[in-house]
Full PDB file with SEQRES, HELIX, SHEET, SSBOND, CRYST1, ORIGX, SCALE, CONECT and MASTER records, all heavy atoms in Angstrom:
SEQRES   1 A   39  ALA ALA GLY SER VAL LEU THR THR LEU SER ALA LEU LEU          
SEQRES   2 A   39  ASP PRO SER VAL PHE THR TRP THR ILE SER VAL TRP LEU          
SEQRES   3 A   39  TRP LEU THR VAL ILE PHE ALA ASN LEU ALA GLU ALA VAL          
HELIX    1 AA1 ALA A    2  LEU A   13  1                                  12    
HELIX    2 AA2 VAL A   17  ALA A   38  1                                  22    
CRYST1    1.000    1.000    1.000  90.00  90.00  90.00 P 1           1          
ORIGX1      1.000000  0.000000  0.000000        0.00000                         
ORIGX2      0.000000  1.000000  0.000000        0.00000                         
ORIGX3      0.000000  0.000000  1.000000        0.00000                         
SCALE1      1.000000  0.000000  0.000000        0.00000                         
SCALE2      0.000000  1.000000  0.000000        0.00000                         
SCALE3      0.000000  0.000000  1.000000        0.00000                         
ATOM      1  N   ALA A   1     -68.882  12.039 -23.943  1.00  0.00           N  
ATOM      2  CA  ALA A   1     -68.360  13.221 -24.628  1.00  0.00           C  
ATOM      3  C   ALA A   1     -69.435  14.377 -24.556  1.00  0.00           C  
ATOM      4  O   ALA A   1     -69.243  15.502 -24.320  1.00  0.00           O  
ATOM      5  CB  ALA A   1     -68.078  12.898 -26.003  1.00  0.00           C  
ATOM      6  N   ALA A   2     -70.749  13.865 -24.772  1.00  0.00           N  
ATOM      7  CA  ALA A   2     -71.830  14.921 -24.762  1.00  0.00           C  
ATOM      8  C   ALA A   2     -71.959  15.479 -23.299  1.00  0.00           C  
ATOM      9  O   ALA A   2     -72.173  16.568 -23.101  1.00  0.00           O  
ATOM     10  CB  ALA A   2     -73.126  14.176 -25.131  1.00  0.00           C  
ATOM     11  N   GLY A   3     -71.798  14.639 -22.175  1.00  0.00           N  
ATOM     12  CA  GLY A   3     -71.800  15.091 -20.941  1.00  0.00           C  
ATOM     13  C   GLY A   3     -70.572  16.000 -20.625  1.00  0.00           C  
ATOM     14  O   GLY A   3     -70.836  16.949 -19.816  1.00  0.00           O  
ATOM     15  N   SER A   4     -69.547  15.691 -21.221  1.00  0.00           N  
ATOM     16  CA  SER A   4     -68.246  16.594 -21.112  1.00  0.00           C  
ATOM     17  C   SER A   4     -68.598  18.064 -21.693  1.00  0.00           C  
ATOM     18  O   SER A   4     -68.227  19.059 -21.065  1.00  0.00           O  
ATOM     19  CB  SER A   4     -67.023  16.006 -21.800  1.00  0.00           C  
ATOM     20  OG  SER A   4     -66.815  14.779 -21.341  1.00  0.00           O  
ATOM     21  N   VAL A   5     -69.289  18.030 -22.636  1.00  0.00           N  
ATOM     22  CA  VAL A   5     -69.624  19.291 -23.372  1.00  0.00           C  
ATOM     23  C   VAL A   5     -70.635  20.039 -22.463  1.00  0.00           C  
ATOM     24  O   VAL A   5     -70.408  21.344 -22.230  1.00  0.00           O  
ATOM     25  CB  VAL A   5     -70.362  19.151 -24.775  1.00  0.00           C  
ATOM     26  CG1 VAL A   5     -70.925  20.440 -25.257  1.00  0.00           C  
ATOM     27  CG2 VAL A   5     -69.396  18.524 -25.742  1.00  0.00           C  
ATOM     28  N   LEU A   6     -71.647  19.430 -21.889  1.00  0.00           N  
ATOM     29  CA  LEU A   6     -72.562  20.141 -20.898  1.00  0.00           C  
ATOM     30  C   LEU A   6     -71.830  20.617 -19.605  1.00  0.00           C  
ATOM     31  O   LEU A   6     -72.016  21.671 -19.318  1.00  0.00           O  
ATOM     32  CB  LEU A   6     -73.655  19.068 -20.575  1.00  0.00           C  
ATOM     33  CG  LEU A   6     -74.586  18.696 -21.546  1.00  0.00           C  
ATOM     34  CD1 LEU A   6     -75.556  17.716 -21.063  1.00  0.00           C  
ATOM     35  CD2 LEU A   6     -75.433  19.945 -22.069  1.00  0.00           C  
ATOM     36  N   THR A   7     -71.010  19.831 -19.074  1.00  0.00           N  
ATOM     37  CA  THR A   7     -70.131  20.238 -17.887  1.00  0.00           C  
ATOM     38  C   THR A   7     -69.230  21.476 -18.194  1.00  0.00           C  
ATOM     39  O   THR A   7     -69.026  22.343 -17.401  1.00  0.00           O  
ATOM     40  CB  THR A   7     -69.437  19.166 -17.115  1.00  0.00           C  
ATOM     41  OG1 THR A   7     -68.596  18.603 -18.143  1.00  0.00           O  
ATOM     42  CG2 THR A   7     -70.341  17.992 -16.741  1.00  0.00           C  
ATOM     43  N   THR A   8     -68.750  21.391 -19.424  1.00  0.00           N  
ATOM     44  CA  THR A   8     -67.858  22.455 -19.855  1.00  0.00           C  
ATOM     45  C   THR A   8     -68.592  23.754 -19.967  1.00  0.00           C  
ATOM     46  O   THR A   8     -68.117  24.964 -19.532  1.00  0.00           O  
ATOM     47  CB  THR A   8     -67.172  22.154 -21.120  1.00  0.00           C  
ATOM     48  OG1 THR A   8     -66.430  20.938 -20.996  1.00  0.00           O  
ATOM     49  CG2 THR A   8     -66.171  23.287 -21.558  1.00  0.00           C  
ATOM     50  N   LEU A   9     -69.783  23.715 -20.524  1.00  0.00           N  
ATOM     51  CA  LEU A   9     -70.607  24.832 -20.692  1.00  0.00           C  
ATOM     52  C   LEU A   9     -71.077  25.448 -19.321  1.00  0.00           C  
ATOM     53  O   LEU A   9     -71.006  26.660 -18.990  1.00  0.00           O  
ATOM     54  CB  LEU A   9     -71.941  24.478 -21.493  1.00  0.00           C  
ATOM     55  CG  LEU A   9     -71.642  24.319 -22.904  1.00  0.00           C  
ATOM     56  CD1 LEU A   9     -72.975  23.884 -23.600  1.00  0.00           C  
ATOM     57  CD2 LEU A   9     -71.131  25.510 -23.591  1.00  0.00           C  
ATOM     58  N   SER A  10     -71.323  24.475 -18.388  1.00  0.00           N  
ATOM     59  CA  SER A  10     -71.748  24.974 -17.024  1.00  0.00           C  
ATOM     60  C   SER A  10     -70.563  25.571 -16.297  1.00  0.00           C  
ATOM     61  O   SER A  10     -70.695  26.535 -15.647  1.00  0.00           O  
ATOM     62  CB  SER A  10     -72.141  23.635 -16.247  1.00  0.00           C  
ATOM     63  OG  SER A  10     -73.308  23.075 -16.807  1.00  0.00           O  
ATOM     64  N   ALA A  11     -69.341  25.166 -16.590  1.00  0.00           N  
ATOM     65  CA  ALA A  11     -68.162  25.646 -15.965  1.00  0.00           C  
ATOM     66  C   ALA A  11     -67.962  27.082 -16.513  1.00  0.00           C  
ATOM     67  O   ALA A  11     -67.490  27.966 -15.827  1.00  0.00           O  
ATOM     68  CB  ALA A  11     -66.888  24.790 -16.229  1.00  0.00           C  
ATOM     69  N   LEU A  12     -68.251  27.282 -17.772  1.00  0.00           N  
ATOM     70  CA  LEU A  12     -68.005  28.613 -18.390  1.00  0.00           C  
ATOM     71  C   LEU A  12     -69.029  29.550 -17.941  1.00  0.00           C  
ATOM     72  O   LEU A  12     -68.754  30.670 -17.647  1.00  0.00           O  
ATOM     73  CB  LEU A  12     -68.174  28.398 -19.951  1.00  0.00           C  
ATOM     74  CG  LEU A  12     -66.945  27.734 -20.683  1.00  0.00           C  
ATOM     75  CD1 LEU A  12     -67.341  27.520 -22.031  1.00  0.00           C  
ATOM     76  CD2 LEU A  12     -65.613  28.573 -20.499  1.00  0.00           C  
ATOM     77  N   LEU A  13     -70.260  29.072 -17.566  1.00  0.00           N  
ATOM     78  CA  LEU A  13     -71.385  29.920 -17.283  1.00  0.00           C  
ATOM     79  C   LEU A  13     -71.314  30.250 -15.681  1.00  0.00           C  
ATOM     80  O   LEU A  13     -71.594  31.263 -15.202  1.00  0.00           O  
ATOM     81  CB  LEU A  13     -72.767  29.281 -17.544  1.00  0.00           C  
ATOM     82  CG  LEU A  13     -73.094  29.164 -19.068  1.00  0.00           C  
ATOM     83  CD1 LEU A  13     -74.339  28.538 -19.307  1.00  0.00           C  
ATOM     84  CD2 LEU A  13     -73.120  30.645 -19.808  1.00  0.00           C  
ATOM     85  N   ASP A  14     -70.941  29.224 -14.926  1.00  0.00           N  
ATOM     86  CA  ASP A  14     -70.914  29.331 -13.505  1.00  0.00           C  
ATOM     87  C   ASP A  14     -69.658  28.732 -12.977  1.00  0.00           C  
ATOM     88  O   ASP A  14     -69.567  27.518 -12.535  1.00  0.00           O  
ATOM     89  CB  ASP A  14     -72.115  28.673 -12.842  1.00  0.00           C  
ATOM     90  CG  ASP A  14     -72.153  28.901 -11.440  1.00  0.00           C  
ATOM     91  OD1 ASP A  14     -71.434  29.831 -10.885  1.00  0.00           O  
ATOM     92  OD2 ASP A  14     -72.904  28.119 -10.768  1.00  0.00           O  
ATOM     93  N   PRO A  15     -68.452  29.359 -13.147  1.00  0.00           N  
ATOM     94  CA  PRO A  15     -67.182  28.761 -12.984  1.00  0.00           C  
ATOM     95  C   PRO A  15     -66.960  28.294 -11.383  1.00  0.00           C  
ATOM     96  O   PRO A  15     -67.419  29.038 -10.539  1.00  0.00           O  
ATOM     97  CB  PRO A  15     -66.105  29.935 -13.263  1.00  0.00           C  
ATOM     98  CG  PRO A  15     -66.892  30.783 -14.115  1.00  0.00           C  
ATOM     99  CD  PRO A  15     -68.343  30.766 -13.666  1.00  0.00           C  
ATOM    100  N   SER A  16     -66.433  27.187 -11.223  1.00  0.00           N  
ATOM    101  CA  SER A  16     -65.969  26.804  -9.784  1.00  0.00           C  
ATOM    102  C   SER A  16     -64.984  25.692  -9.994  1.00  0.00           C  
ATOM    103  O   SER A  16     -64.915  25.050 -11.081  1.00  0.00           O  
ATOM    104  CB  SER A  16     -67.184  26.203  -9.072  1.00  0.00           C  
ATOM    105  OG  SER A  16     -67.707  25.007  -9.682  1.00  0.00           O  
ATOM    106  N   VAL A  17     -64.220  25.499  -8.960  1.00  0.00           N  
ATOM    107  CA  VAL A  17     -63.115  24.440  -9.023  1.00  0.00           C  
ATOM    108  C   VAL A  17     -63.753  23.128  -9.237  1.00  0.00           C  
ATOM    109  O   VAL A  17     -63.315  22.282 -10.010  1.00  0.00           O  
ATOM    110  CB  VAL A  17     -62.296  24.563  -7.754  1.00  0.00           C  
ATOM    111  CG1 VAL A  17     -61.257  23.418  -7.695  1.00  0.00           C  
ATOM    112  CG2 VAL A  17     -61.575  25.901  -7.563  1.00  0.00           C  
ATOM    113  N   PHE A  18     -64.884  22.864  -8.534  1.00  0.00           N  
ATOM    114  CA  PHE A  18     -65.559  21.551  -8.649  1.00  0.00           C  
ATOM    115  C   PHE A  18     -66.083  21.273 -10.183  1.00  0.00           C  
ATOM    116  O   PHE A  18     -65.760  20.285 -10.745  1.00  0.00           O  
ATOM    117  CB  PHE A  18     -66.714  21.559  -7.641  1.00  0.00           C  
ATOM    118  CG  PHE A  18     -67.563  20.284  -7.938  1.00  0.00           C  
ATOM    119  CD1 PHE A  18     -67.104  19.101  -7.489  1.00  0.00           C  
ATOM    120  CD2 PHE A  18     -68.820  20.344  -8.411  1.00  0.00           C  
ATOM    121  CE1 PHE A  18     -67.777  17.829  -7.696  1.00  0.00           C  
ATOM    122  CE2 PHE A  18     -69.635  19.224  -8.645  1.00  0.00           C  
ATOM    123  CZ  PHE A  18     -69.137  17.956  -8.251  1.00  0.00           C  
ATOM    124  N   THR A  19     -66.707  22.315 -10.657  1.00  0.00           N  
ATOM    125  CA  THR A  19     -67.237  22.073 -12.009  1.00  0.00           C  
ATOM    126  C   THR A  19     -66.140  21.908 -13.132  1.00  0.00           C  
ATOM    127  O   THR A  19     -66.181  20.946 -13.917  1.00  0.00           O  
ATOM    128  CB  THR A  19     -68.071  23.357 -12.528  1.00  0.00           C  
ATOM    129  OG1 THR A  19     -69.103  23.465 -11.400  1.00  0.00           O  
ATOM    130  CG2 THR A  19     -68.836  23.052 -13.762  1.00  0.00           C  
ATOM    131  N   TRP A  20     -64.989  22.653 -12.899  1.00  0.00           N  
ATOM    132  CA  TRP A  20     -63.912  22.550 -13.843  1.00  0.00           C  
ATOM    133  C   TRP A  20     -63.198  21.240 -13.607  1.00  0.00           C  
ATOM    134  O   TRP A  20     -62.706  20.547 -14.693  1.00  0.00           O  
ATOM    135  CB  TRP A  20     -63.080  23.762 -13.840  1.00  0.00           C  
ATOM    136  CG  TRP A  20     -63.356  24.963 -14.537  1.00  0.00           C  
ATOM    137  CD1 TRP A  20     -63.768  26.151 -14.087  1.00  0.00           C  
ATOM    138  CD2 TRP A  20     -63.423  24.979 -15.949  1.00  0.00           C  
ATOM    139  NE1 TRP A  20     -63.986  26.985 -14.992  1.00  0.00           N  
ATOM    140  CE2 TRP A  20     -63.789  26.312 -16.218  1.00  0.00           C  
ATOM    141  CE3 TRP A  20     -63.155  24.198 -16.916  1.00  0.00           C  
ATOM    142  CZ2 TRP A  20     -64.003  26.820 -17.496  1.00  0.00           C  
ATOM    143  CZ3 TRP A  20     -63.330  24.531 -18.228  1.00  0.00           C  
ATOM    144  CH2 TRP A  20     -63.778  26.030 -18.558  1.00  0.00           C  
ATOM    145  N   THR A  21     -63.132  20.764 -12.507  1.00  0.00           N  
ATOM    146  CA  THR A  21     -62.368  19.527 -12.168  1.00  0.00           C  
ATOM    147  C   THR A  21     -63.185  18.366 -12.929  1.00  0.00           C  
ATOM    148  O   THR A  21     -62.651  17.470 -13.549  1.00  0.00           O  
ATOM    149  CB  THR A  21     -62.426  19.204 -10.662  1.00  0.00           C  
ATOM    150  OG1 THR A  21     -61.514  20.216 -10.081  1.00  0.00           O  
ATOM    151  CG2 THR A  21     -61.717  17.875 -10.386  1.00  0.00           C  
ATOM    152  N   ILE A  22     -64.526  18.348 -12.722  1.00  0.00           N  
ATOM    153  CA  ILE A  22     -65.440  17.397 -13.230  1.00  0.00           C  
ATOM    154  C   ILE A  22     -65.226  17.471 -14.960  1.00  0.00           C  
ATOM    155  O   ILE A  22     -65.169  16.349 -15.451  1.00  0.00           O  
ATOM    156  CB  ILE A  22     -66.805  17.454 -12.785  1.00  0.00           C  
ATOM    157  CG1 ILE A  22     -66.959  17.288 -11.322  1.00  0.00           C  
ATOM    158  CG2 ILE A  22     -67.690  16.568 -13.512  1.00  0.00           C  
ATOM    159  CD1 ILE A  22     -66.542  15.843 -10.746  1.00  0.00           C  
ATOM    160  N   SER A  23     -65.295  18.607 -15.307  1.00  0.00           N  
ATOM    161  CA  SER A  23     -65.213  18.764 -16.875  1.00  0.00           C  
ATOM    162  C   SER A  23     -63.904  18.186 -17.447  1.00  0.00           C  
ATOM    163  O   SER A  23     -63.908  17.451 -18.317  1.00  0.00           O  
ATOM    164  CB  SER A  23     -65.362  20.217 -17.183  1.00  0.00           C  
ATOM    165  OG  SER A  23     -66.655  20.707 -16.666  1.00  0.00           O  
ATOM    166  N   VAL A  24     -62.874  18.598 -16.732  1.00  0.00           N  
ATOM    167  CA  VAL A  24     -61.483  18.131 -17.245  1.00  0.00           C  
ATOM    168  C   VAL A  24     -61.403  16.696 -17.208  1.00  0.00           C  
ATOM    169  O   VAL A  24     -60.913  16.091 -18.198  1.00  0.00           O  
ATOM    170  CB  VAL A  24     -60.412  18.832 -16.426  1.00  0.00           C  
ATOM    171  CG1 VAL A  24     -59.095  18.169 -16.761  1.00  0.00           C  
ATOM    172  CG2 VAL A  24     -60.290  20.285 -16.743  1.00  0.00           C  
ATOM    173  N   TRP A  25     -61.878  15.990 -16.162  1.00  0.00           N  
ATOM    174  CA  TRP A  25     -61.686  14.609 -15.896  1.00  0.00           C  
ATOM    175  C   TRP A  25     -62.627  13.824 -16.850  1.00  0.00           C  
ATOM    176  O   TRP A  25     -62.304  12.701 -17.260  1.00  0.00           O  
ATOM    177  CB  TRP A  25     -61.850  14.232 -14.513  1.00  0.00           C  
ATOM    178  CG  TRP A  25     -60.438  14.409 -13.798  1.00  0.00           C  
ATOM    179  CD1 TRP A  25     -60.273  15.416 -13.001  1.00  0.00           C  
ATOM    180  CD2 TRP A  25     -59.378  13.678 -13.851  1.00  0.00           C  
ATOM    181  NE1 TRP A  25     -58.849  15.386 -12.524  1.00  0.00           N  
ATOM    182  CE2 TRP A  25     -58.390  14.228 -12.987  1.00  0.00           C  
ATOM    183  CE3 TRP A  25     -58.950  12.493 -14.490  1.00  0.00           C  
ATOM    184  CZ2 TRP A  25     -57.090  13.687 -12.880  1.00  0.00           C  
ATOM    185  CZ3 TRP A  25     -57.680  11.857 -14.322  1.00  0.00           C  
ATOM    186  CH2 TRP A  25     -56.817  12.525 -13.451  1.00  0.00           C  
ATOM    187  N   LEU A  26     -63.769  14.418 -17.158  1.00  0.00           N  
ATOM    188  CA  LEU A  26     -64.657  13.786 -18.120  1.00  0.00           C  
ATOM    189  C   LEU A  26     -64.099  13.711 -19.522  1.00  0.00           C  
ATOM    190  O   LEU A  26     -64.093  12.747 -20.239  1.00  0.00           O  
ATOM    191  CB  LEU A  26     -66.056  14.485 -18.231  1.00  0.00           C  
ATOM    192  CG  LEU A  26     -66.954  14.237 -17.008  1.00  0.00           C  
ATOM    193  CD1 LEU A  26     -68.311  14.980 -17.042  1.00  0.00           C  
ATOM    194  CD2 LEU A  26     -67.291  12.722 -16.795  1.00  0.00           C  
ATOM    195  N   TRP A  27     -63.451  14.904 -19.878  1.00  0.00           N  
ATOM    196  CA  TRP A  27     -62.706  14.886 -21.198  1.00  0.00           C  
ATOM    197  C   TRP A  27     -61.540  13.983 -21.198  1.00  0.00           C  
ATOM    198  O   TRP A  27     -61.247  13.225 -22.210  1.00  0.00           O  
ATOM    199  CB  TRP A  27     -62.284  16.390 -21.435  1.00  0.00           C  
ATOM    200  CG  TRP A  27     -63.287  17.307 -22.069  1.00  0.00           C  
ATOM    201  CD1 TRP A  27     -63.808  18.398 -21.449  1.00  0.00           C  
ATOM    202  CD2 TRP A  27     -64.084  17.202 -23.352  1.00  0.00           C  
ATOM    203  NE1 TRP A  27     -64.660  18.950 -22.234  1.00  0.00           N  
ATOM    204  CE2 TRP A  27     -64.904  18.135 -23.365  1.00  0.00           C  
ATOM    205  CE3 TRP A  27     -63.958  16.203 -24.230  1.00  0.00           C  
ATOM    206  CZ2 TRP A  27     -65.755  18.485 -24.472  1.00  0.00           C  
ATOM    207  CZ3 TRP A  27     -64.961  16.384 -25.468  1.00  0.00           C  
ATOM    208  CH2 TRP A  27     -65.732  17.429 -25.435  1.00  0.00           C  
ATOM    209  N   LEU A  28     -60.846  13.956 -20.080  1.00  0.00           N  
ATOM    210  CA  LEU A  28     -59.671  12.917 -20.038  1.00  0.00           C  
ATOM    211  C   LEU A  28     -60.186  11.464 -20.094  1.00  0.00           C  
ATOM    212  O   LEU A  28     -59.532  10.694 -20.711  1.00  0.00           O  
ATOM    213  CB  LEU A  28     -58.954  13.146 -18.726  1.00  0.00           C  
ATOM    214  CG  LEU A  28     -58.166  14.330 -18.597  1.00  0.00           C  
ATOM    215  CD1 LEU A  28     -57.544  14.419 -17.158  1.00  0.00           C  
ATOM    216  CD2 LEU A  28     -57.003  14.282 -19.628  1.00  0.00           C  
ATOM    217  N   THR A  29     -61.473  11.184 -19.615  1.00  0.00           N  
ATOM    218  CA  THR A  29     -62.025   9.872 -19.655  1.00  0.00           C  
ATOM    219  C   THR A  29     -62.214   9.556 -21.132  1.00  0.00           C  
ATOM    220  O   THR A  29     -61.901   8.421 -21.681  1.00  0.00           O  
ATOM    221  CB  THR A  29     -63.440   9.844 -19.000  1.00  0.00           C  
ATOM    222  OG1 THR A  29     -63.248  10.164 -17.636  1.00  0.00           O  
ATOM    223  CG2 THR A  29     -64.035   8.403 -19.109  1.00  0.00           C  
ATOM    224  N   VAL A  30     -62.826  10.508 -21.971  1.00  0.00           N  
ATOM    225  CA  VAL A  30     -62.939  10.265 -23.461  1.00  0.00           C  
ATOM    226  C   VAL A  30     -61.658  10.059 -24.189  1.00  0.00           C  
ATOM    227  O   VAL A  30     -61.350   9.126 -25.019  1.00  0.00           O  
ATOM    228  CB  VAL A  30     -63.762  11.401 -24.043  1.00  0.00           C  
ATOM    229  CG1 VAL A  30     -64.011  11.109 -25.518  1.00  0.00           C  
ATOM    230  CG2 VAL A  30     -65.026  11.400 -23.462  1.00  0.00           C  
ATOM    231  N   ILE A  31     -60.681  10.958 -23.744  1.00  0.00           N  
ATOM    232  CA  ILE A  31     -59.346  10.860 -24.476  1.00  0.00           C  
ATOM    233  C   ILE A  31     -58.584   9.541 -23.994  1.00  0.00           C  
ATOM    234  O   ILE A  31     -57.998   8.985 -24.986  1.00  0.00           O  
ATOM    235  CB  ILE A  31     -58.477  12.174 -23.991  1.00  0.00           C  
ATOM    236  CG1 ILE A  31     -59.158  13.391 -24.600  1.00  0.00           C  
ATOM    237  CG2 ILE A  31     -57.089  11.961 -24.602  1.00  0.00           C  
ATOM    238  CD1 ILE A  31     -58.423  14.610 -24.150  1.00  0.00           C  
ATOM    239  N   PHE A  32     -58.708   9.190 -22.819  1.00  0.00           N  
ATOM    240  CA  PHE A  32     -58.000   7.979 -22.490  1.00  0.00           C  
ATOM    241  C   PHE A  32     -58.609   6.714 -23.187  1.00  0.00           C  
ATOM    242  O   PHE A  32     -57.945   5.811 -23.511  1.00  0.00           O  
ATOM    243  CB  PHE A  32     -58.112   7.691 -20.918  1.00  0.00           C  
ATOM    244  CG  PHE A  32     -57.324   8.704 -20.056  1.00  0.00           C  
ATOM    245  CD1 PHE A  32     -57.585   8.845 -18.751  1.00  0.00           C  
ATOM    246  CD2 PHE A  32     -56.288   9.320 -20.752  1.00  0.00           C  
ATOM    247  CE1 PHE A  32     -56.826   9.744 -17.922  1.00  0.00           C  
ATOM    248  CE2 PHE A  32     -55.506  10.250 -19.943  1.00  0.00           C  
ATOM    249  CZ  PHE A  32     -55.839  10.462 -18.666  1.00  0.00           C  
ATOM    250  N   ALA A  33     -59.953   6.750 -23.343  1.00  0.00           N  
ATOM    251  CA  ALA A  33     -60.620   5.724 -24.044  1.00  0.00           C  
ATOM    252  C   ALA A  33     -60.235   5.723 -25.499  1.00  0.00           C  
ATOM    253  O   ALA A  33     -59.961   4.551 -26.069  1.00  0.00           O  
ATOM    254  CB  ALA A  33     -62.137   5.857 -23.980  1.00  0.00           C  
ATOM    255  N   ASN A  34     -60.047   6.816 -26.122  1.00  0.00           N  
ATOM    256  CA  ASN A  34     -59.592   6.868 -27.484  1.00  0.00           C  
ATOM    257  C   ASN A  34     -58.130   6.500 -27.615  1.00  0.00           C  
ATOM    258  O   ASN A  34     -57.803   5.889 -28.489  1.00  0.00           O  
ATOM    259  CB  ASN A  34     -59.810   8.301 -28.095  1.00  0.00           C  
ATOM    260  CG  ASN A  34     -61.284   8.608 -28.296  1.00  0.00           C  
ATOM    261  OD1 ASN A  34     -61.994   7.766 -28.458  1.00  0.00           O  
ATOM    262  ND2 ASN A  34     -61.493   9.944 -28.416  1.00  0.00           N  
ATOM    263  N   LEU A  35     -57.418   6.816 -26.504  1.00  0.00           N  
ATOM    264  CA  LEU A  35     -55.981   6.385 -26.482  1.00  0.00           C  
ATOM    265  C   LEU A  35     -55.820   4.975 -26.440  1.00  0.00           C  
ATOM    266  O   LEU A  35     -54.790   4.438 -27.103  1.00  0.00           O  
ATOM    267  CB  LEU A  35     -55.151   7.021 -25.220  1.00  0.00           C  
ATOM    268  CG  LEU A  35     -53.804   7.067 -25.223  1.00  0.00           C  
ATOM    269  CD1 LEU A  35     -53.147   7.742 -26.326  1.00  0.00           C  
ATOM    270  CD2 LEU A  35     -53.216   7.586 -23.851  1.00  0.00           C  
ATOM    271  N   ALA A  36     -56.672   4.226 -25.803  1.00  0.00           N  
ATOM    272  CA  ALA A  36     -56.489   2.735 -25.832  1.00  0.00           C  
ATOM    273  C   ALA A  36     -56.626   2.154 -27.149  1.00  0.00           C  
ATOM    274  O   ALA A  36     -55.928   1.323 -27.709  1.00  0.00           O  
ATOM    275  CB  ALA A  36     -57.546   2.222 -24.825  1.00  0.00           C  
ATOM    276  N   GLU A  37     -57.646   2.671 -27.861  1.00  0.00           N  
ATOM    277  CA  GLU A  37     -57.858   2.257 -29.345  1.00  0.00           C  
ATOM    278  C   GLU A  37     -56.686   2.718 -30.200  1.00  0.00           C  
ATOM    279  O   GLU A  37     -56.210   1.819 -31.094  1.00  0.00           O  
ATOM    280  CB  GLU A  37     -59.163   2.786 -29.871  1.00  0.00           C  
ATOM    281  CG  GLU A  37     -59.471   2.244 -31.183  1.00  0.00           C  
ATOM    282  CD  GLU A  37     -60.836   2.605 -31.635  1.00  0.00           C  
ATOM    283  OE1 GLU A  37     -61.455   3.412 -30.903  1.00  0.00           O  
ATOM    284  OE2 GLU A  37     -61.394   2.116 -32.712  1.00  0.00           O  
ATOM    285  N   ALA A  38     -56.231   3.980 -29.971  1.00  0.00           N  
ATOM    286  CA  ALA A  38     -55.106   4.439 -30.748  1.00  0.00           C  
ATOM    287  C   ALA A  38     -53.853   3.725 -30.524  1.00  0.00           C  
ATOM    288  O   ALA A  38     -53.145   3.502 -31.599  1.00  0.00           O  
ATOM    289  CB  ALA A  38     -54.948   5.974 -30.540  1.00  0.00           C  
ATOM    290  N   VAL A  39     -53.586   3.392 -29.390  1.00  0.00           N  
ATOM    291  CA  VAL A  39     -52.420   2.502 -29.084  1.00  0.00           C  
ATOM    292  C   VAL A  39     -52.426   1.244 -29.724  1.00  0.00           C  
ATOM    293  O   VAL A  39     -51.563   0.737 -30.396  1.00  0.00           O  
ATOM    294  CB  VAL A  39     -52.201   2.406 -27.465  1.00  0.00           C  
ATOM    295  CG1 VAL A  39     -51.099   1.362 -27.206  1.00  0.00           C  
ATOM    296  CG2 VAL A  39     -51.775   3.764 -26.940  1.00  0.00           C  
TER     297      VAL A  39                                                      
MASTER        0    0    0    2    0    0    0    6  296    1    0    3          
END                                                                             
């Protein structure tokens, strides 16, 4: 999650498809992990 915050800040400061792709999927990784526990 901390890494997701850092990549999101990088995407905001220096936008690129690659940076945003990595940011989104890192957040999805955290959400999917939480989803396993929530289910």
